Amino acid sequence: MRVKCIICDKIETIEDSLPAAKKLRNRPIHTYMCDDCRMRITENTTKRVNTGQFFVYRSGKQKEWLP
């Protein structure tokens, strides 16, 4: 299956039997992100978490993000 990264517009091929491919086929609202973009976002988020100023707010309660 050919997929396109939502951030960098890189086109990649993934196996049809992977769970991600099945999600994209059955629910088109799901999006694909390439490994390079995923790693870059993970690294940047980890850096922000380590500063101590990053919090995730869910349902009105303050919770810290844990890697």
C-alpha atoms as a PDB file:
ATOM      1  CA  MET A   1       0.000   0.000   0.000  1.00  0.00           C
ATOM      2  CA  ARG A   2       1.337   3.434  -0.889  1.00  0.00           C
ATOM      3  CA  VAL A   3       0.998   6.040   1.841  1.00  0.00           C
ATOM      4  CA  LYS A   4       1.935   9.699   2.123  1.00  0.00           C
ATOM      5  CA  CYS A   5       3.332  11.318   5.268  1.00  0.00           C
ATOM      6  CA  ILE A   6       1.054  14.063   6.495  1.00  0.00           C
ATOM      7  CA  ILE A   7       3.961  16.307   7.563  1.00  0.00           C
ATOM      8  CA  CYS A   8       6.698  15.988   4.932  1.00  0.00           C
ATOM      9  CA  ASP A   9       4.634  14.613   1.994  1.00  0.00           C
ATOM     10  CA  LYS A  10       7.077  11.728   1.477  1.00  0.00           C
ATOM     11  CA  ILE A  11       5.487   8.736  -0.250  1.00  0.00           C
ATOM     12  CA  GLU A  12       6.331   5.309   1.167  1.00  0.00           C
ATOM     13  CA  THR A  13       5.162   1.753   0.681  1.00  0.00           C
ATOM     14  CA  ILE A  14       3.944  -0.348   3.611  1.00  0.00           C
ATOM     15  CA  GLU A  15       2.769  -3.935   3.662  1.00  0.00           C
ATOM     16  CA  ASP A  16      -0.962  -4.483   3.274  1.00  0.00           C
ATOM     17  CA  SER A  17      -1.049  -6.826   6.262  1.00  0.00           C
ATOM     18  CA  LEU A  18       0.255  -4.277   8.797  1.00  0.00           C
ATOM     19  CA  PRO A  19      -2.223  -2.905  11.340  1.00  0.00           C
ATOM     20  CA  ALA A  20      -1.484   0.655  10.184  1.00  0.00           C
ATOM     21  CA  ALA A  21      -2.445  -0.229   6.612  1.00  0.00           C
ATOM     22  CA  LYS A  22      -5.681  -1.808   7.780  1.00  0.00           C
ATOM     23  CA  LYS A  23      -6.547   1.293   9.832  1.00  0.00           C
ATOM     24  CA  LEU A  24      -5.895   3.551   6.850  1.00  0.00           C
ATOM     25  CA  ARG A  25      -8.041   1.384   4.589  1.00  0.00           C
ATOM     26  CA  ASN A  26     -10.970   0.997   6.978  1.00  0.00           C
ATOM     27  CA  ARG A  27     -10.945   4.483   8.504  1.00  0.00           C
ATOM     28  CA  PRO A  28      -9.730   7.105   6.031  1.00  0.00           C
ATOM     29  CA  ILE A  29      -9.680   9.786   8.752  1.00  0.00           C
ATOM     30  CA  HIS A  30      -6.550   8.146  10.181  1.00  0.00           C
ATOM     31  CA  THR A  31      -3.324   9.657   8.908  1.00  0.00           C
ATOM     32  CA  TYR A  32       0.152   8.273   8.270  1.00  0.00           C
ATOM     33  CA  MET A  33       3.386   9.731   9.614  1.00  0.00           C
ATOM     34  CA  CYS A  34       6.780   8.491   8.389  1.00  0.00           C
ATOM     35  CA  ASP A  35       9.377   7.200  10.830  1.00  0.00           C
ATOM     36  CA  ASP A  36      11.656  10.225  10.351  1.00  0.00           C
ATOM     37  CA  CYS A  37       8.906  12.682  11.304  1.00  0.00           C
ATOM     38  CA  ARG A  38       7.756  10.483  14.192  1.00  0.00           C
ATOM     39  CA  MET A  39      11.301  10.314  15.622  1.00  0.00           C
ATOM     40  CA  ARG A  40      11.823  14.075  15.194  1.00  0.00           C
ATOM     41  CA  ILE A  41       8.571  14.847  17.036  1.00  0.00           C
ATOM     42  CA  THR A  42       9.388  12.320  19.771  1.00  0.00           C
ATOM     43  CA  GLU A  43      12.843  13.832  20.329  1.00  0.00           C
ATOM     44  CA  ASN A  44      11.499  17.399  20.433  1.00  0.00           C
ATOM     45  CA  THR A  45       8.690  16.423  22.812  1.00  0.00           C
ATOM     46  CA  THR A  46      11.139  14.635  25.107  1.00  0.00           C
ATOM     47  CA  LYS A  47      13.308  17.762  25.190  1.00  0.00           C
ATOM     48  CA  ARG A  48      10.275  19.891  26.115  1.00  0.00           C
ATOM     49  CA  VAL A  49       9.211  17.416  28.822  1.00  0.00           C
ATOM     50  CA  ASN A  50      12.703  17.539  30.333  1.00  0.00           C
ATOM     51  CA  THR A  51      12.425  21.316  30.753  1.00  0.00           C
ATOM     52  CA  GLY A  52       9.628  20.790  33.278  1.00  0.00           C
ATOM     53  CA  GLN A  53       7.329  23.298  31.544  1.00  0.00           C
ATOM     54  CA  PHE A  54       5.327  20.837  29.428  1.00  0.00           C
ATOM     55  CA  PHE A  55       1.978  19.550  30.668  1.00  0.00           C
ATOM     56  CA  VAL A  56      -0.872  17.721  28.977  1.00  0.00           C
ATOM     57  CA  TYR A  57      -4.309  18.951  29.981  1.00  0.00           C
ATOM     58  CA  ARG A  58      -7.116  16.420  29.758  1.00  0.00           C
ATOM     59  CA  SER A  59     -10.634  16.843  31.102  1.00  0.00           C
ATOM     60  CA  GLY A  60      -9.681  19.835  33.195  1.00  0.00           C
ATOM     61  CA  LYS A  61      -6.981  18.048  35.197  1.00  0.00           C
ATOM     62  CA  GLN A  62      -3.273  18.797  34.937  1.00  0.00           C
ATOM     63  CA  LYS A  63      -1.192  15.727  34.086  1.00  0.00           C
ATOM     64  CA  GLU A  64       2.432  15.384  33.123  1.00  0.00           C
ATOM     65  CA  TRP A  65       3.399  13.671  29.904  1.00  0.00           C
ATOM     66  CA  LEU A  66       5.410  10.531  30.494  1.00  0.00           C
ATOM     67  CA  PRO A  67       7.579   9.083  27.703  1.00  0.00           C
END
